PDB file of N, CA and C in Angstrom:
ATOM      1  N   UNK A   1      94.104  81.288 108.540  1.00  0.00           N
ATOM      2  CA  UNK A   1      94.029  82.617 109.100  1.00  0.00           C
ATOM      3  C   UNK A   1      95.387  83.321 108.621  1.00  0.00           C
ATOM      4  N   UNK A   2      95.215  84.589 108.167  1.00  0.00           N
ATOM      5  CA  UNK A   2      96.329  85.252 107.766  1.00  0.00           C
ATOM      6  C   UNK A   2      97.231  85.786 108.898  1.00  0.00           C
ATOM      7  N   UNK A   3      98.593  85.720 108.728  1.00  0.00           N
ATOM      8  CA  UNK A   3      99.487  85.894 109.843  1.00  0.00           C
ATOM      9  C   UNK A   3      99.388  87.511 110.186  1.00  0.00           C
ATOM     10  N   UNK A   4      99.527  87.940 111.353  1.00  0.00           N
ATOM     11  CA  UNK A   4      99.681  89.380 111.658  1.00  0.00           C
ATOM     12  C   UNK A   4     101.046  89.868 111.330  1.00  0.00           C
ATOM     13  N   UNK A   5     101.072  90.907 110.850  1.00  0.00           N
ATOM     14  CA  UNK A   5     102.276  91.521 110.421  1.00  0.00           C
ATOM     15  C   UNK A   5     102.274  93.077 110.739  1.00  0.00           C
ATOM     16  N   UNK A   6     103.333  93.359 111.480  1.00  0.00           N
ATOM     17  CA  UNK A   6     103.580  94.819 111.818  1.00  0.00           C
ATOM     18  C   UNK A   6     104.267  95.557 110.754  1.00  0.00           C
ATOM     19  N   UNK A   7     103.908  96.339 110.065  1.00  0.00           N
ATOM     20  CA  UNK A   7     104.575  97.299 109.025  1.00  0.00           C
ATOM     21  C   UNK A   7     105.713  98.028 109.710  1.00  0.00           C
ATOM     22  N   UNK A   8     106.815  98.154 109.085  1.00  0.00           N
ATOM     23  CA  UNK A   8     107.881  98.937 109.754  1.00  0.00           C
ATOM     24  C   UNK A   8     108.576  99.822 108.558  1.00  0.00           C
ATOM     25  N   UNK A   9     108.870 101.074 108.941  1.00  0.00           N
ATOM     26  CA  UNK A   9     109.425 102.043 107.980  1.00  0.00           C
ATOM     27  C   UNK A   9     110.987 102.130 108.355  1.00  0.00           C
ATOM     28  N   UNK A  10     111.396 101.543 109.441  1.00  0.00           N
ATOM     29  CA  UNK A  10     112.740 101.593 109.867  1.00  0.00           C
ATOM     30  C   UNK A  10     113.653 101.189 108.572  1.00  0.00           C
ATOM     31  N   UNK A  11     114.684 101.952 108.302  1.00  0.00           N
ATOM     32  CA  UNK A  11     115.522 101.530 107.190  1.00  0.00           C
ATOM     33  C   UNK A  11     115.155 102.025 105.896  1.00  0.00           C
ATOM     34  N   UNK A  12     113.942 102.655 105.768  1.00  0.00           N
ATOM     35  CA  UNK A  12     113.509 103.048 104.529  1.00  0.00           C
ATOM     36  C   UNK A  12     114.018 104.602 104.404  1.00  0.00           C
ATOM     37  N   UNK A  13     114.480 104.936 103.169  1.00  0.00           N
ATOM     38  CA  UNK A  13     115.001 106.321 103.170  1.00  0.00           C
ATOM     39  C   UNK A  13     113.831 107.323 103.359  1.00  0.00           C
ATOM     40  N   UNK A  14     114.224 108.486 103.699  1.00  0.00           N
ATOM     41  CA  UNK A  14     113.333 109.783 103.906  1.00  0.00           C
ATOM     42  C   UNK A  14     113.657 110.575 102.724  1.00  0.00           C
ATOM     43  N   UNK A  15     112.713 111.537 102.511  1.00  0.00           N
ATOM     44  CA  UNK A  15     112.820 112.597 101.462  1.00  0.00           C
ATOM     45  C   UNK A  15     114.403 113.174 101.649  1.00  0.00           C
ATOM     46  N   UNK A  16     114.865 113.278 100.540  1.00  0.00           N
ATOM     47  CA  UNK A  16     116.209 113.975 100.313  1.00  0.00           C
ATOM     48  C   UNK A  16     117.235 112.901 100.527  1.00  0.00           C
ATOM     49  N   UNK A  17     117.023 111.719 100.923  1.00  0.00           N
ATOM     50  CA  UNK A  17     118.023 110.748 101.178  1.00  0.00           C
ATOM     51  C   UNK A  17     118.476 110.195  99.860  1.00  0.00           C
ATOM     52  N   UNK A  18     117.769 110.329  98.720  1.00  0.00           N
ATOM     53  CA  UNK A  18     118.005 109.686  97.445  1.00  0.00           C
ATOM     54  C   UNK A  18     118.235 110.861  96.390  1.00  0.00           C
ATOM     55  N   UNK A  19     118.990 110.522  95.509  1.00  0.00           N
ATOM     56  CA  UNK A  19     119.327 111.543  94.455  1.00  0.00           C
ATOM     57  C   UNK A  19     118.077 112.068  93.557  1.00  0.00           C
ATOM     58  N   UNK A  20     116.973 111.134  93.584  1.00  0.00           N
ATOM     59  CA  UNK A  20     115.785 111.495  92.615  1.00  0.00           C
ATOM     60  C   UNK A  20     114.859 112.188  93.403  1.00  0.00           C
ATOM     61  N   UNK A  21     115.332 112.749  94.628  1.00  0.00           N
ATOM     62  CA  UNK A  21     114.305 113.737  95.464  1.00  0.00           C
ATOM     63  C   UNK A  21     112.987 113.084  95.764  1.00  0.00           C
ATOM     64  N   UNK A  22     112.865 111.804  95.933  1.00  0.00           N
ATOM     65  CA  UNK A  22     111.676 111.175  96.445  1.00  0.00           C
ATOM     66  C   UNK A  22     110.513 111.078  95.357  1.00  0.00           C
ATOM     67  N   UNK A  23     110.832 111.188  94.104  1.00  0.00           N
ATOM     68  CA  UNK A  23     109.811 111.211  92.966  1.00  0.00           C
ATOM     69  C   UNK A  23     109.940 109.993  92.010  1.00  0.00           C
ATOM     70  N   UNK A  24     108.976 109.232  91.950  1.00  0.00           N
ATOM     71  CA  UNK A  24     109.209 108.016  91.025  1.00  0.00           C
ATOM     72  C   UNK A  24     107.931 108.127  90.071  1.00  0.00           C
ATOM     73  N   UNK A  25     108.292 107.914  88.723  1.00  0.00           N
ATOM     74  CA  UNK A  25     107.103 107.798  87.770  1.00  0.00           C
ATOM     75  C   UNK A  25     107.352 106.756  86.769  1.00  0.00           C
ATOM     76  N   UNK A  26     106.069 106.248  86.401  1.00  0.00           N
ATOM     77  CA  UNK A  26     106.105 105.208  85.383  1.00  0.00           C
ATOM     78  C   UNK A  26     104.976 105.351  84.388  1.00  0.00           C
ATOM     79  N   UNK A  27     105.377 105.078  83.184  1.00  0.00           N
ATOM     80  CA  UNK A  27     104.193 105.263  82.082  1.00  0.00           C
ATOM     81  C   UNK A  27     104.335 103.768  81.345  1.00  0.00           C
ATOM     82  N   UNK A  28     103.120 103.307  81.228  1.00  0.00           N
ATOM     83  CA  UNK A  28     103.041 101.955  80.598  1.00  0.00           C
ATOM     84  C   UNK A  28     101.604 101.858  79.900  1.00  0.00           C
ATOM     85  N   UNK A  29     101.496 100.745  79.244  1.00  0.00           N
ATOM     86  CA  UNK A  29     100.075 100.308  78.662  1.00  0.00           C
ATOM     87  C   UNK A  29      99.631  99.162  79.420  1.00  0.00           C
ATOM     88  N   UNK A  30      98.426  99.149  80.005  1.00  0.00           N
ATOM     89  CA  UNK A  30      97.878  98.021  80.820  1.00  0.00           C
ATOM     90  C   UNK A  30      97.428  96.912  80.026  1.00  0.00           C
ATOM     91  N   UNK A  31      96.933  95.893  80.646  1.00  0.00           N
ATOM     92  CA  UNK A  31      96.541  94.649  80.135  1.00  0.00           C
ATOM     93  C   UNK A  31      95.393  94.851  79.018  1.00  0.00           C
ATOM     94  N   UNK A  32      94.610  96.024  79.095  1.00  0.00           N
ATOM     95  CA  UNK A  32      93.421  96.144  78.167  1.00  0.00           C
ATOM     96  C   UNK A  32      93.741  97.250  77.239  1.00  0.00           C
ATOM     97  N   UNK A  33      95.072  97.724  77.159  1.00  0.00           N
ATOM     98  CA  UNK A  33      95.388  98.595  76.067  1.00  0.00           C
ATOM     99  C   UNK A  33      95.427 100.093  76.403  1.00  0.00           C
ATOM    100  N   UNK A  34      95.209 100.517  77.749  1.00  0.00           N
ATOM    101  CA  UNK A  34      95.024 101.825  78.045  1.00  0.00           C
ATOM    102  C   UNK A  34      96.330 102.462  78.573  1.00  0.00           C
ATOM    103  N   UNK A  35      96.718 103.494  78.183  1.00  0.00           N
ATOM    104  CA  UNK A  35      97.950 104.231  78.647  1.00  0.00           C
ATOM    105  C   UNK A  35      97.844 104.612  80.173  1.00  0.00           C
ATOM    106  N   UNK A  36      98.684 104.265  80.965  1.00  0.00           N
ATOM    107  CA  UNK A  36      98.713 104.530  82.479  1.00  0.00           C
ATOM    108  C   UNK A  36      99.876 105.283  82.897  1.00  0.00           C
ATOM    109  N   UNK A  37      99.692 106.193  83.822  1.00  0.00           N
ATOM    110  CA  UNK A  37     100.814 107.044  84.347  1.00  0.00           C
ATOM    111  C   UNK A  37     100.739 106.887  85.798  1.00  0.00           C
ATOM    112  N   UNK A  38     101.775 106.510  86.483  1.00  0.00           N
ATOM    113  CA  UNK A  38     101.805 106.413  87.931  1.00  0.00           C
ATOM    114  C   UNK A  38     102.899 107.372  88.464  1.00  0.00           C
ATOM    115  N   UNK A  39     102.487 108.118  89.441  1.00  0.00           N
ATOM    116  CA  UNK A  39     103.517 109.098  90.120  1.00  0.00           C
ATOM    117  C   UNK A  39     103.512 108.694  91.634  1.00  0.00           C
ATOM    118  N   UNK A  40     104.651 108.552  92.317  1.00  0.00           N
ATOM    119  CA  UNK A  40     104.727 108.277  93.594  1.00  0.00           C
ATOM    120  C   UNK A  40     105.733 109.331  94.232  1.00  0.00           C
ATOM    121  N   UNK A  41     105.251 110.004  95.168  1.00  0.00           N
ATOM    122  CA  UNK A  41     106.375 111.044  95.703  1.00  0.00           C
ATOM    123  C   UNK A  41     106.292 111.071  97.304  1.00  0.00           C
ATOM    124  N   UNK A  42     107.564 111.114  97.753  1.00  0.00           N
ATOM    125  CA  UNK A  42     107.742 111.345  99.235  1.00  0.00           C
ATOM    126  C   UNK A  42     107.283 112.705  99.622  1.00  0.00           C
ATOM    127  N   UNK A  43     106.581 112.940 100.525  1.00  0.00           N
ATOM    128  CA  UNK A  43     106.230 114.230 100.907  1.00  0.00           C
ATOM    129  C   UNK A  43     105.915 114.265 102.405  1.00  0.00           C
ATOM    130  N   UNK A  44     105.353 115.328 102.869  1.00  0.00           N
ATOM    131  CA  UNK A  44     104.933 115.503 104.220  1.00  0.00           C
ATOM    132  C   UNK A  44     103.437 115.859 104.320  1.00  0.00           C
ATOM    133  N   UNK A  45     102.678 115.300 105.293  1.00  0.00           N
ATOM    134  CA  UNK A  45     101.284 115.741 105.386  1.00  0.00           C
ATOM    135  C   UNK A  45     100.815 115.958 106.790  1.00  0.00           C
ATOM    136  N   UNK A  46      99.829 116.410 106.959  1.00  0.00           N
ATOM    137  CA  UNK A  46      99.377 116.753 108.509  1.00  0.00           C
ATOM    138  C   UNK A  46      98.032 116.016 108.542  1.00  0.00           C
ATOM    139  N   UNK A  47      97.868 115.161 109.758  1.00  0.00           N
ATOM    140  CA  UNK A  47      96.572 114.592 110.096  1.00  0.00           C
ATOM    141  C   UNK A  47      96.261 114.693 111.518  1.00  0.00           C
ATOM    142  N   UNK A  48      95.085 114.102 111.728  1.00  0.00           N
ATOM    143  CA  UNK A  48      94.498 114.035 113.140  1.00  0.00           C
ATOM    144  C   UNK A  48      94.380 112.808 113.779  1.00  0.00           C
ATOM    145  N   UNK A  49      94.790 112.570 114.824  1.00  0.00           N
ATOM    146  CA  UNK A  49      94.497 111.312 115.605  1.00  0.00           C
ATOM    147  C   UNK A  49      93.043 111.079 115.935  1.00  0.00           C
ATOM    148  N   UNK A  50      92.394 110.036 115.445  1.00  0.00           N
ATOM    149  CA  UNK A  50      90.945 109.789 115.603  1.00  0.00           C
ATOM    150  C   UNK A  50      90.452 109.942 117.042  1.00  0.00           C
ATOM    151  N   UNK A  51      91.291 109.494 117.896  1.00  0.00           N
ATOM    152  CA  UNK A  51      91.037 109.321 119.376  1.00  0.00           C
ATOM    153  C   UNK A  51      91.231 110.529 120.162  1.00  0.00           C
ATOM    154  N   UNK A  52      92.442 111.214 119.925  1.00  0.00           N
ATOM    155  CA  UNK A  52      92.833 112.264 120.797  1.00  0.00           C
ATOM    156  C   UNK A  52      92.535 113.671 120.056  1.00  0.00           C
ATOM    157  N   UNK A  53      92.343 113.583 118.775  1.00  0.00           N
ATOM    158  CA  UNK A  53      92.111 114.746 117.924  1.00  0.00           C
ATOM    159  C   UNK A  53      93.406 115.659 117.854  1.00  0.00           C
ATOM    160  N   UNK A  54      94.545 115.153 118.328  1.00  0.00           N
ATOM    161  CA  UNK A  54      95.863 115.683 118.037  1.00  0.00           C
ATOM    162  C   UNK A  54      96.243 115.864 116.755  1.00  0.00           C
ATOM    163  N   UNK A  55      96.654 116.874 116.371  1.00  0.00           N
ATOM    164  CA  UNK A  55      97.153 117.112 114.792  1.00  0.00           C
ATOM    165  C   UNK A  55      98.689 116.925 114.796  1.00  0.00           C
ATOM    166  N   UNK A  56      99.035 116.207 113.814  1.00  0.00           N
ATOM    167  CA  UNK A  56     100.578 115.929 113.681  1.00  0.00           C
ATOM    168  C   UNK A  56     101.013 116.079 112.131  1.00  0.00           C
ATOM    169  N   UNK A  57     102.266 116.372 112.058  1.00  0.00           N
ATOM    170  CA  UNK A  57     102.952 116.492 110.678  1.00  0.00           C
ATOM    171  C   UNK A  57     103.533 115.145 110.586  1.00  0.00           C
ATOM    172  N   UNK A  58     103.494 114.456 109.510  1.00  0.00           N
ATOM    173  CA  UNK A  58     104.304 113.170 109.327  1.00  0.00           C
ATOM    174  C   UNK A  58     104.856 112.993 107.929  1.00  0.00           C
ATOM    175  N   UNK A  59     105.806 112.186 107.900  1.00  0.00           N
ATOM    176  CA  UNK A  59     106.457 111.751 106.397  1.00  0.00           C
ATOM    177  C   UNK A  59     105.218 110.918 105.752  1.00  0.00           C
ATOM    178  N   UNK A  60     105.153 111.145 104.521  1.00  0.00           N
ATOM    179  CA  UNK A  60     103.954 110.433 103.819  1.00  0.00           C
ATOM    180  C   UNK A  60     104.381 110.173 102.416  1.00  0.00           C
ATOM    181  N   UNK A  61     103.484 109.344 101.794  1.00  0.00           N
ATOM    182  CA  UNK A  61     103.764 108.980 100.363  1.00  0.00           C
ATOM    183  C   UNK A  61     102.582 109.239  99.560  1.00  0.00           C
ATOM    184  N   UNK A  62     102.699 109.996  98.546  1.00  0.00           N
ATOM    185  CA  UNK A  62     101.523 110.479  97.660  1.00  0.00           C
ATOM    186  C   UNK A  62     101.608 109.793  96.492  1.00  0.00           C
ATOM    187  N   UNK A  63     100.411 109.134  96.149  1.00  0.00           N
ATOM    188  CA  UNK A  63     100.391 108.173  94.873  1.00  0.00           C
ATOM    189  C   UNK A  63      99.298 108.642  94.046  1.00  0.00           C
ATOM    190  N   UNK A  64      99.513 108.827  92.668  1.00  0.00           N
ATOM    191  CA  UNK A  64      98.597 109.205  91.680  1.00  0.00           C
ATOM    192  C   UNK A  64      98.689 108.058  90.678  1.00  0.00           C
ATOM    193  N   UNK A  65      97.579 107.487  90.221  1.00  0.00           N
ATOM    194  CA  UNK A  65      97.448 106.580  89.091  1.00  0.00           C
ATOM    195  C   UNK A  65      96.342 107.246  88.169  1.00  0.00           C
ATOM    196  N   UNK A  66      96.823 107.446  86.975  1.00  0.00           N
ATOM    197  CA  UNK A  66      95.911 108.077  85.916  1.00  0.00           C
ATOM    198  C   UNK A  66      95.781 107.289  84.710  1.00  0.00           C
ATOM    199  N   UNK A  67      94.720 107.110  84.202  1.00  0.00           N
ATOM    200  CA  UNK A  67      94.369 106.456  82.913  1.00  0.00           C
ATOM    201  C   UNK A  67      93.503 107.370  82.100  1.00  0.00           C
ATOM    202  N   UNK A  68      93.163 106.972  80.996  1.00  0.00           N
ATOM    203  CA  UNK A  68      92.178 107.793  80.030  1.00  0.00           C
ATOM    204  C   UNK A  68      90.813 108.020  80.646  1.00  0.00           C
ATOM    205  N   UNK A  69      90.400 107.135  81.577  1.00  0.00           N
ATOM    206  CA  UNK A  69      88.986 107.336  81.919  1.00  0.00           C
ATOM    207  C   UNK A  69      88.800 107.440  83.532  1.00  0.00           C
ATOM    208  N   UNK A  70      90.005 107.348  84.304  1.00  0.00           N
ATOM    209  CA  UNK A  70      89.839 107.520  85.593  1.00  0.00           C
ATOM    210  C   UNK A  70      91.326 108.026  86.252  1.00  0.00           C
ATOM    211  N   UNK A  71      91.077 108.502  87.414  1.00  0.00           N
ATOM    212  CA  UNK A  71      92.361 108.951  88.355  1.00  0.00           C
ATOM    213  C   UNK A  71      92.042 108.328  89.689  1.00  0.00           C
ATOM    214  N   UNK A  72      93.095 107.859  90.288  1.00  0.00           N
ATOM    215  CA  UNK A  72      93.130 107.515  91.540  1.00  0.00           C
ATOM    216  C   UNK A  72      94.282 108.247  92.427  1.00  0.00           C
ATOM    217  N   UNK A  73      94.013 108.715  93.504  1.00  0.00           N
ATOM    218  CA  UNK A  73      94.973 109.731  94.276  1.00  0.00           C
ATOM    219  C   UNK A  73      94.692 109.286  95.761  1.00  0.00           C
ATOM    220  N   UNK A  74      95.912 109.125  96.421  1.00  0.00           N
ATOM    221  CA  UNK A  74      95.923 108.914  97.867  1.00  0.00           C
ATOM    222  C   UNK A  74      97.232 109.321  98.457  1.00  0.00           C
ATOM    223  N   UNK A  75      97.133 109.898  99.715  1.00  0.00           N
ATOM    224  CA  UNK A  75      98.275 110.012 100.540  1.00  0.00           C
ATOM    225  C   UNK A  75      98.261 109.139 101.728  1.00  0.00           C
ATOM    226  N   UNK A  76      99.297 108.496 101.766  1.00  0.00           N
ATOM    227  CA  UNK A  76      99.556 107.324 102.890  1.00  0.00           C
ATOM    228  C   UNK A  76     100.605 107.895 104.028  1.00  0.00           C
ATOM    229  N   UNK A  77     100.463 107.448 105.086  1.00  0.00           N
ATOM    230  CA  UNK A  77     101.604 107.495 106.045  1.00  0.00           C
ATOM    231  C   UNK A  77     102.590 106.507 105.542  1.00  0.00           C
ATOM    232  N   UNK A  78     103.872 106.758 106.011  1.00  0.00           N
ATOM    233  CA  UNK A  78     104.988 105.763 105.605  1.00  0.00           C
ATOM    234  C   UNK A  78     104.628 104.425 106.004  1.00  0.00           C
ATOM    235  N   UNK A  79     104.068 104.239 107.170  1.00  0.00           N
ATOM    236  CA  UNK A  79     103.760 102.924 107.704  1.00  0.00           C
ATOM    237  C   UNK A  79     102.638 102.308 106.858  1.00  0.00           C
ATOM    238  N   UNK A  80     101.633 103.005 106.491  1.00  0.00           N
ATOM    239  CA  UNK A  80     100.597 102.527 105.613  1.00  0.00           C
ATOM    240  C   UNK A  80     101.148 102.013 104.240  1.00  0.00           C
ATOM    241  N   UNK A  81     102.147 102.839 103.623  1.00  0.00           N
ATOM    242  CA  UNK A  81     102.825 102.597 102.398  1.00  0.00           C
ATOM    243  C   UNK A  81     103.534 101.369 102.493  1.00  0.00           C
ATOM    244  N   UNK A  82     104.236 100.975 103.583  1.00  0.00           N
ATOM    245  CA  UNK A  82     104.834  99.887 103.739  1.00  0.00           C
ATOM    246  C   UNK A  82     104.138  98.594 103.897  1.00  0.00           C
ATOM    247  N   UNK A  83     103.080  98.780 104.596  1.00  0.00           N
ATOM    248  CA  UNK A  83     102.014  97.653 104.685  1.00  0.00           C
ATOM    249  C   UNK A  83     101.512  97.423 103.287  1.00  0.00           C
ATOM    250  N   UNK A  84     101.068  98.358 102.592  1.00  0.00           N
ATOM    251  CA  UNK A  84     100.567  98.169 101.137  1.00  0.00           C
ATOM    252  C   UNK A  84     101.550  97.450 100.337  1.00  0.00           C
ATOM    253  N   UNK A  85     102.936  97.786 100.456  1.00  0.00           N
ATOM    254  CA  UNK A  85     103.969  97.246  99.567  1.00  0.00           C
ATOM    255  C   UNK A  85     104.042  95.694  99.985  1.00  0.00           C
ATOM    256  N   UNK A  86     104.125  95.478 101.388  1.00  0.00           N
ATOM    257  CA  UNK A  86     104.048  94.002 101.789  1.00  0.00           C
ATOM    258  C   UNK A  86     102.847  93.165 101.283  1.00  0.00           C
ATOM    259  N   UNK A  87     101.844  93.661 101.281  1.00  0.00           N
ATOM    260  CA  UNK A  87     100.665  92.935 100.692  1.00  0.00           C
ATOM    261  C   UNK A  87     100.782  92.739  99.351  1.00  0.00           C
ATOM    262  N   UNK A  88     101.270  93.826  98.575  1.00  0.00           N
ATOM    263  CA  UNK A  88     101.384  93.675  97.052  1.00  0.00           C
ATOM    264  C   UNK A  88     102.448  92.605  96.734  1.00  0.00           C
ATOM    265  N   UNK A  89     103.508  92.518  97.661  1.00  0.00           N
ATOM    266  CA  UNK A  89     104.491  91.483  97.326  1.00  0.00           C
ATOM    267  C   UNK A  89     104.052  90.127  97.497  1.00  0.00           C
ATOM    268  N   UNK A  90     103.092  90.027  98.271  1.00  0.00           N
ATOM    269  CA  UNK A  90     102.470  88.580  98.631  1.00  0.00           C
ATOM    270  C   UNK A  90     101.617  88.160  97.284  1.00  0.00           C
ATOM    271  N   UNK A  91     101.250  89.139  96.565  1.00  0.00           N
ATOM    272  CA  UNK A  91     100.446  88.811  95.337  1.00  0.00           C
ATOM    273  C   UNK A  91     101.289  88.535  94.314  1.00  0.00           C
ATOM    274  N   UNK A  92     102.289  89.368  94.178  1.00  0.00           N
ATOM    275  CA  UNK A  92     103.332  89.305  93.012  1.00  0.00           C
ATOM    276  C   UNK A  92     104.638  88.629  93.315  1.00  0.00           C
TER     277      UNK A  92
END
């Protein structure tokens, strides 16, 4: 059974804390020869709590992955992004 892990954003830099202003890009050719562009940007977003319906503004991470035949785009809370990073580190 997989171990339970609580994602934490404690100690992670917030927007403006780095000289690159929270924008990271990567361009590469993937395993099947297609050019890929990745953009990851620190931002803020507004969302609604599913139970209370309370709206909140929160620090977020916006991710865009573009290739010649598809685009994937998602905005994650910082905690969701930290958990995704933890999962990816287990694979790589």
